[in-house]
C-alpha atoms as a PDB file:
ATOM      1  CA  MET A   1      -0.386 -19.311   9.860  1.00  0.00           C
ATOM      2  CA  THR A   2       0.233 -18.946  13.606  1.00  0.00           C
ATOM      3  CA  SER A   3       3.066 -16.981  15.200  1.00  0.00           C
ATOM      4  CA  LEU A   4       5.426 -18.231  17.878  1.00  0.00           C
ATOM      5  CA  PRO A   5       4.674 -16.981  21.406  1.00  0.00           C
ATOM      6  CA  GLY A   6       6.362 -13.663  22.001  1.00  0.00           C
ATOM      7  CA  SER A   7       7.146 -13.149  18.336  1.00  0.00           C
ATOM      8  CA  SER A   8       6.136 -10.006  16.516  1.00  0.00           C
ATOM      9  CA  GLN A   9       3.235 -10.137  14.102  1.00  0.00           C
ATOM     10  CA  ALA A  10       4.477 -10.757  10.579  1.00  0.00           C
ATOM     11  CA  VAL A  11       3.480  -8.211   7.960  1.00  0.00           C
ATOM     12  CA  ARG A  12       1.773  -9.764   4.960  1.00  0.00           C
ATOM     13  CA  GLY A  13       2.283  -8.740   1.402  1.00  0.00           C
ATOM     14  CA  ALA A  14      -0.732  -7.760  -0.661  1.00  0.00           C
ATOM     15  CA  LEU A  15      -2.061  -6.690  -4.011  1.00  0.00           C
ATOM     16  CA  VAL A  16      -4.321  -3.653  -3.870  1.00  0.00           C
ATOM     17  CA  THR A  17      -6.549  -2.561  -6.718  1.00  0.00           C
ATOM     18  CA  LEU A  18      -8.025   0.911  -6.821  1.00  0.00           C
ATOM     19  CA  ASP A  19     -10.976   1.842  -8.970  1.00  0.00           C
ATOM     20  CA  SER A  20      -9.591   4.426 -11.399  1.00  0.00           C
ATOM     21  CA  VAL A  21     -12.510   6.798 -10.786  1.00  0.00           C
ATOM     22  CA  ALA A  22     -13.641   6.393  -7.173  1.00  0.00           C
ATOM     23  CA  LEU A  23     -10.264   5.068  -5.908  1.00  0.00           C
ATOM     24  CA  VAL A  24     -12.102   2.447  -3.832  1.00  0.00           C
ATOM     25  CA  PRO A  25      -9.550  -0.194  -2.728  1.00  0.00           C
ATOM     26  CA  THR A  26      -9.850  -3.961  -3.030  1.00  0.00           C
ATOM     27  CA  VAL A  27      -7.154  -5.760  -1.034  1.00  0.00           C
ATOM     28  CA  ILE A  28      -5.901  -9.268  -1.821  1.00  0.00           C
ATOM     29  CA  THR A  29      -3.570 -10.296   1.009  1.00  0.00           C
ATOM     30  CA  PHE A  30      -1.037 -13.086   0.700  1.00  0.00           C
ATOM     31  CA  GLN A  31      -2.025 -15.849   3.101  1.00  0.00           C
ATOM     32  CA  TYR A  32       1.624 -16.838   3.432  1.00  0.00           C
ATOM     33  CA  ASN A  33       4.379 -14.547   2.266  1.00  0.00           C
ATOM     34  CA  PRO A  34       6.344 -16.265  -0.502  1.00  0.00           C
ATOM     35  CA  HIS A  35       9.730 -17.704   0.396  1.00  0.00           C
ATOM     36  CA  THR A  36      11.246 -16.121  -2.689  1.00  0.00           C
ATOM     37  CA  LEU A  37      10.555 -12.892  -4.499  1.00  0.00           C
ATOM     38  CA  THR A  38      12.538 -12.283  -7.677  1.00  0.00           C
ATOM     39  CA  ARG A  39      13.117  -8.793  -9.040  1.00  0.00           C
ATOM     40  CA  SER A  40      14.728  -8.377 -12.475  1.00  0.00           C
ATOM     41  CA  TYR A  41      16.029  -5.090 -13.868  1.00  0.00           C
ATOM     42  CA  GLU A  42      16.590  -4.248 -17.515  1.00  0.00           C
ATOM     43  CA  VAL A  43      18.877  -1.220 -17.506  1.00  0.00           C
ATOM     44  CA  ARG A  44      18.104   1.610 -19.905  1.00  0.00           C
ATOM     45  CA  SER A  45      21.362   3.312 -20.781  1.00  0.00           C
ATOM     46  CA  GLY A  46      23.222   4.691 -23.748  1.00  0.00           C
ATOM     47  CA  VAL A  47      25.941   2.540 -25.307  1.00  0.00           C
ATOM     48  CA  GLY A  48      28.671   4.182 -27.390  1.00  0.00           C
ATOM     49  CA  GLY A  49      28.980   7.778 -28.537  1.00  0.00           C
ATOM     50  CA  PRO A  50      28.311  10.827 -26.361  1.00  0.00           C
ATOM     51  CA  GLU A  51      25.509   9.026 -24.462  1.00  0.00           C
ATOM     52  CA  SER A  52      27.755   6.127 -23.404  1.00  0.00           C
ATOM     53  CA  GLY A  53      27.172   5.291 -19.753  1.00  0.00           C
ATOM     54  CA  GLN A  54      24.228   7.664 -19.411  1.00  0.00           C
ATOM     55  CA  ILE A  55      21.173   6.199 -17.692  1.00  0.00           C
ATOM     56  CA  THR A  56      18.274   7.290 -19.861  1.00  0.00           C
ATOM     57  CA  GLY A  57      15.508   6.339 -17.458  1.00  0.00           C
ATOM     58  CA  PRO A  58      14.511   4.031 -14.616  1.00  0.00           C
ATOM     59  CA  PRO A  59      15.081   0.344 -15.381  1.00  0.00           C
ATOM     60  CA  ASN A  60      12.345  -1.912 -16.640  1.00  0.00           C
ATOM     61  CA  GLU A  61      11.664  -3.871 -13.467  1.00  0.00           C
ATOM     62  CA  SER A  62       9.770  -7.143 -13.284  1.00  0.00           C
ATOM     63  CA  ILE A  63       8.671  -9.070 -10.187  1.00  0.00           C
ATOM     64  CA  GLN A  64       7.968 -12.787  -9.891  1.00  0.00           C
ATOM     65  CA  VAL A  65       6.391 -14.350  -6.793  1.00  0.00           C
ATOM     66  CA  GLU A  66       5.125 -17.819  -5.954  1.00  0.00           C
ATOM     67  CA  LEU A  67       2.107 -17.858  -3.627  1.00  0.00           C
ATOM     68  CA  VAL A  68       0.531 -20.704  -1.653  1.00  0.00           C
ATOM     69  CA  LEU A  69      -3.184 -20.589  -0.821  1.00  0.00           C
ATOM     70  CA  ASP A  70      -4.429 -23.165   1.707  1.00  0.00           C
ATOM     71  CA  ALA A  71      -8.004 -23.413   3.020  1.00  0.00           C
ATOM     72  CA  ASN A  72      -7.528 -26.475   5.236  1.00  0.00           C
ATOM     73  CA  ASP A  73      -7.099 -24.490   8.475  1.00  0.00           C
ATOM     74  CA  ALA A  74     -10.218 -22.442   7.713  1.00  0.00           C
ATOM     75  CA  LYS A  75     -12.222 -25.586   6.933  1.00  0.00           C
ATOM     76  CA  GLU A  76     -11.229 -27.150  10.261  1.00  0.00           C
ATOM     77  CA  ALA A  77     -12.641 -24.035  11.924  1.00  0.00           C
ATOM     78  CA  GLY A  78     -15.922 -24.432  10.028  1.00  0.00           C
ATOM     79  CA  GLU A  79     -15.136 -21.649   7.556  1.00  0.00           C
ATOM     80  CA  GLY A  80     -13.915 -21.455   3.981  1.00  0.00           C
ATOM     81  CA  ALA A  81     -16.846 -23.345   2.462  1.00  0.00           C
ATOM     82  CA  ASP A  82     -15.614 -22.499  -1.037  1.00  0.00           C
ATOM     83  CA  GLY A  83     -11.994 -23.328  -0.318  1.00  0.00           C
ATOM     84  CA  VAL A  84      -9.547 -20.910  -1.919  1.00  0.00           C
ATOM     85  CA  ALA A  85     -11.843 -20.318  -4.911  1.00  0.00           C
ATOM     86  CA  PRO A  86     -12.691 -16.733  -3.804  1.00  0.00           C
ATOM     87  CA  GLN A  87      -9.005 -15.771  -3.606  1.00  0.00           C
ATOM     88  CA  LEU A  88      -8.315 -17.342  -6.987  1.00  0.00           C
ATOM     89  CA  ALA A  89     -11.274 -15.501  -8.485  1.00  0.00           C
ATOM     90  CA  ALA A  90      -9.935 -12.219  -7.133  1.00  0.00           C
ATOM     91  CA  LEU A  91      -6.526 -12.886  -8.698  1.00  0.00           C
ATOM     92  CA  VAL A  92      -8.075 -13.741 -12.074  1.00  0.00           C
ATOM     93  CA  GLY A  93     -10.069 -10.518 -11.769  1.00  0.00           C
ATOM     94  CA  LEU A  94      -6.791  -8.594 -11.891  1.00  0.00           C
ATOM     95  CA  VAL A  95      -6.314  -9.622 -15.527  1.00  0.00           C
ATOM     96  CA  THR A  96      -9.963  -9.666 -16.657  1.00  0.00           C
ATOM     97  CA  PRO A  97     -12.181  -6.697 -17.646  1.00  0.00           C
ATOM     98  CA  THR A  98     -15.255  -6.435 -15.452  1.00  0.00           C
ATOM     99  CA  SER A  99     -18.610  -7.620 -16.739  1.00  0.00           C
ATOM    100  CA  ALA A 100     -19.933  -4.061 -16.295  1.00  0.00           C
ATOM    101  CA  ALA A 101     -17.208  -2.739 -18.594  1.00  0.00           C
ATOM    102  CA  ALA A 102     -17.955  -5.462 -21.152  1.00  0.00           C
ATOM    103  CA  ARG A 103     -21.679  -4.637 -21.144  1.00  0.00           C
ATOM    104  CA  SER A 104     -20.935  -0.943 -21.501  1.00  0.00           C
ATOM    105  CA  MET A 105     -18.761  -1.553 -24.559  1.00  0.00           C
ATOM    106  CA  LEU A 106     -21.411  -3.793 -26.122  1.00  0.00           C
ATOM    107  CA  GLU A 107     -24.064  -1.110 -25.581  1.00  0.00           C
ATOM    108  CA  LEU A 108     -21.848   1.551 -27.192  1.00  0.00           C
ATOM    109  CA  ALA A 109     -21.186  -0.728 -30.150  1.00  0.00           C
ATOM    110  CA  ALA A 110     -24.910  -1.474 -30.529  1.00  0.00           C
ATOM    111  CA  ALA A 111     -25.625   2.277 -30.472  1.00  0.00           C
ATOM    112  CA  GLY A 112     -23.426   2.737 -33.535  1.00  0.00           C
ATOM    113  CA  SER A 113     -20.298   4.150 -31.941  1.00  0.00           C
ATOM    114  CA  ILE A 114     -17.547   3.973 -34.556  1.00  0.00           C
ATOM    115  CA  GLU A 115     -14.741   3.641 -32.040  1.00  0.00           C
ATOM    116  CA  VAL A 116     -15.177   2.013 -28.683  1.00  0.00           C
ATOM    117  CA  PHE A 117     -12.393   2.776 -26.252  1.00  0.00           C
ATOM    118  CA  PRO A 118     -12.079   0.490 -23.231  1.00  0.00           C
ATOM    119  CA  PRO A 119     -12.661   2.262 -19.919  1.00  0.00           C
ATOM    120  CA  PRO A 120      -9.662   3.027 -17.696  1.00  0.00           C
ATOM    121  CA  GLY A 121      -8.545  -0.080 -15.859  1.00  0.00           C
ATOM    122  CA  PRO A 122      -8.025  -0.318 -12.122  1.00  0.00           C
ATOM    123  CA  ILE A 123      -4.784   0.791 -10.529  1.00  0.00           C
ATOM    124  CA  THR A 124      -2.897  -2.191  -9.126  1.00  0.00           C
ATOM    125  CA  LEU A 125      -0.364  -1.785  -6.320  1.00  0.00           C
ATOM    126  CA  PHE A 126       2.086  -4.416  -5.101  1.00  0.00           C
ATOM    127  CA  VAL A 127       2.576  -3.862  -1.366  1.00  0.00           C
ATOM    128  CA  TRP A 128       5.671  -5.439   0.164  1.00  0.00           C
ATOM    129  CA  GLY A 129       6.083  -3.658   3.472  1.00  0.00           C
ATOM    130  CA  ALA A 130       5.403  -0.081   4.457  1.00  0.00           C
ATOM    131  CA  LYS A 131       8.249   1.343   2.368  1.00  0.00           C
ATOM    132  CA  ARG A 132       7.820  -0.719  -0.794  1.00  0.00           C
ATOM    133  CA  VAL A 133       4.588   0.041  -2.603  1.00  0.00           C
ATOM    134  CA  ASP A 134       4.884  -0.248  -6.382  1.00  0.00           C
ATOM    135  CA  PRO A 135       2.285   0.438  -9.071  1.00  0.00           C
ATOM    136  CA  VAL A 136       2.335  -2.645 -11.291  1.00  0.00           C
ATOM    137  CA  ALA A 137       0.787  -4.278 -14.322  1.00  0.00           C
ATOM    138  CA  VAL A 138       0.146  -8.006 -13.980  1.00  0.00           C
ATOM    139  CA  THR A 139       1.815  -9.744 -16.920  1.00  0.00           C
ATOM    140  CA  GLU A 140       1.547 -13.409 -15.962  1.00  0.00           C
ATOM    141  CA  LEU A 141      -0.761 -15.509 -13.832  1.00  0.00           C
ATOM    142  CA  SER A 142      -0.496 -19.280 -13.459  1.00  0.00           C
ATOM    143  CA  ILE A 143      -2.614 -21.308 -11.025  1.00  0.00           C
ATOM    144  CA  SER A 144      -2.028 -24.924 -10.020  1.00  0.00           C
ATOM    145  CA  GLU A 145      -4.876 -26.438  -7.974  1.00  0.00           C
ATOM    146  CA  GLU A 146      -3.254 -29.216  -5.955  1.00  0.00           C
ATOM    147  CA  SER A 147      -6.063 -30.411  -3.713  1.00  0.00           C
ATOM    148  CA  HIS A 148      -9.876 -30.298  -3.766  1.00  0.00           C
ATOM    149  CA  ASP A 149     -12.718 -31.046  -1.363  1.00  0.00           C
ATOM    150  CA  ALA A 150     -15.659 -33.369  -1.983  1.00  0.00           C
ATOM    151  CA  ARG A 151     -17.442 -30.658  -4.001  1.00  0.00           C
ATOM    152  CA  LEU A 152     -14.298 -30.058  -6.095  1.00  0.00           C
ATOM    153  CA  HIS A 153     -13.623 -26.671  -4.531  1.00  0.00           C
ATOM    154  CA  PRO A 154      -9.864 -26.044  -4.552  1.00  0.00           C
ATOM    155  CA  VAL A 155      -8.476 -26.129  -1.013  1.00  0.00           C
ATOM    156  CA  LEU A 156      -4.769 -25.923  -1.861  1.00  0.00           C
ATOM    157  CA  ALA A 157      -3.328 -23.968  -4.767  1.00  0.00           C
ATOM    158  CA  ARG A 158       0.007 -22.569  -5.874  1.00  0.00           C
ATOM    159  CA  VAL A 159       0.036 -19.339  -7.825  1.00  0.00           C
ATOM    160  CA  SER A 160       2.831 -17.928  -9.975  1.00  0.00           C
ATOM    161  CA  LEU A 161       2.423 -14.201 -10.417  1.00  0.00           C
ATOM    162  CA  GLY A 162       4.463 -12.000 -12.747  1.00  0.00           C
ATOM    163  CA  MET A 163       4.298  -8.202 -12.679  1.00  0.00           C
ATOM    164  CA  ARG A 164       5.951  -5.272 -14.392  1.00  0.00           C
ATOM    165  CA  VAL A 165       6.611  -2.259 -12.201  1.00  0.00           C
ATOM    166  CA  LEU A 166       5.234   0.971 -13.640  1.00  0.00           C
ATOM    167  CA  THR A 167       7.455   4.031 -13.173  1.00  0.00           C
ATOM    168  CA  TYR A 168       6.888   7.765 -13.400  1.00  0.00           C
ATOM    169  CA  THR A 169       7.869   7.544 -17.074  1.00  0.00           C
ATOM    170  CA  ASP A 170       4.963   5.163 -17.723  1.00  0.00           C
ATOM    171  CA  LEU A 171       2.296   7.126 -15.875  1.00  0.00           C
ATOM    172  CA  ALA A 172       0.803  10.579 -16.349  1.00  0.00           C
ATOM    173  CA  VAL A 173       1.719  13.229 -13.794  1.00  0.00           C
ATOM    174  CA  GLY A 174      -1.787  13.239 -12.294  1.00  0.00           C
ATOM    175  CA  HIS A 175      -1.924   9.451 -11.974  1.00  0.00           C
ATOM    176  CA  PRO A 176      -1.776   8.254  -8.330  1.00  0.00           C
ATOM    177  CA  GLY A 177       0.949   5.773  -9.257  1.00  0.00           C
ATOM    178  CA  HIS A 178       3.191   8.570 -10.570  1.00  0.00           C
ATOM    179  CA  ALA A 179       3.731  10.015  -7.089  1.00  0.00           C
ATOM    180  CA  LEU A 180       4.148   6.529  -5.597  1.00  0.00           C
ATOM    181  CA  SER A 181       6.857   5.695  -8.125  1.00  0.00           C
ATOM    182  CA  LEU A 182       8.830   8.837  -7.321  1.00  0.00           C
ATOM    183  CA  ALA A 183       8.380   8.281  -3.584  1.00  0.00           C
ATOM    184  CA  GLY A 184       9.687   4.734  -3.979  1.00  0.00           C
ATOM    185  CA  GLN A 185      12.783   5.951  -5.795  1.00  0.00           C
ATOM    186  CA  ILE A 186      13.486   8.532  -3.084  1.00  0.00           C
ATOM    187  CA  ALA A 187      13.104   5.828  -0.402  1.00  0.00           C
ATOM    188  CA  ARG A 188      15.592   3.574  -2.226  1.00  0.00           C
ATOM    189  CA  GLU A 189      18.113   6.401  -2.530  1.00  0.00           C
ATOM    190  CA  GLN A 190      17.831   7.139   1.187  1.00  0.00           C
ATOM    191  CA  LEU A 191      18.234   3.451   2.017  1.00  0.00           C
ATOM    192  CA  ALA A 192      21.282   3.139  -0.256  1.00  0.00           C
ATOM    193  CA  ALA A 193      22.899   6.121   1.452  1.00  0.00           C
ATOM    194  CA  THR A 194      22.997   4.170   4.725  1.00  0.00           C
ATOM    195  CA  SER A 195      25.350   1.553   3.246  1.00  0.00           C
ATOM    196  CA  THR A 196      27.682   3.698   1.129  1.00  0.00           C
ATOM    197  CA  SER A 197      30.552   6.030   1.834  1.00  0.00           C
ATOM    198  CA  SER A 198      32.053   9.040   0.059  1.00  0.00           C
ATOM    199  CA  SER A 199      35.509   8.301   1.478  1.00  0.00           C
ATOM    200  CA  LEU A 200      37.629   5.696  -0.343  1.00  0.00           C
ATOM    201  CA  ALA A 201      40.124   5.597   2.506  1.00  0.00           C
ATOM    202  CA  ALA A 202      37.383   4.857   5.038  1.00  0.00           C
ATOM    203  CA  ALA A 203      35.694   2.287   2.806  1.00  0.00           C
ATOM    204  CA  LEU A 204      38.816   0.431   1.595  1.00  0.00           C
ATOM    205  CA  GLY A 205      41.189   1.029   4.462  1.00  0.00           C
ATOM    206  CA  THR A 206      43.771   2.654   2.192  1.00  0.00           C
ATOM    207  CA  ASP A 207      44.122   5.645  -0.094  1.00  0.00           C
ATOM    208  CA  VAL A 208      43.419   5.071  -3.783  1.00  0.00           C
ATOM    209  CA  GLN A 209      44.538   7.570  -6.443  1.00  0.00           C
ATOM    210  CA  LEU A 210      41.635   7.966  -8.878  1.00  0.00           C
ATOM    211  CA  ILE A 211      43.341  10.469 -11.205  1.00  0.00           C
END
């Protein structure tokens, strides 16, 4: 996607996975930022009794994005021999245990281990600008391949991606996502403070008697 002359370079969204042990990043950038990004919040609060109105924790937040992957420009430049198949494979990898982990579990089972615990999964981050980096769990992935080349490699695909945001209540204190979640909440509070007022008279243009 080209930019207009004189325009600033657009920042792309991305999904970043970090190996849970070595913290080595794998970055999946969005070729085109989606036109719509839907965030849904399920509020956790007390209803009735002494806890009425109390917010008992951060909301359960879910994110839904629609992505478009197009390899036609790359193919015209003599690149992208496999179309968008590599990007699709990387997205499917977000919801699939690695083959190394599968082999390890099979070896433990063959050795007579009574309980086989799956290894820690990668840490997935949804990056939407410098100030919005959320640890997430991918909950839904739908791929529609809309065009293919002569070798049946997908060259145009639409992806629907659903994620649940993980908060500091979901993650252990030492988990890298724990600090990111708290930092994100602080950033939202600071941003909200720029559009609110503590003066009713200044905000409404008249005095209001609250008590």
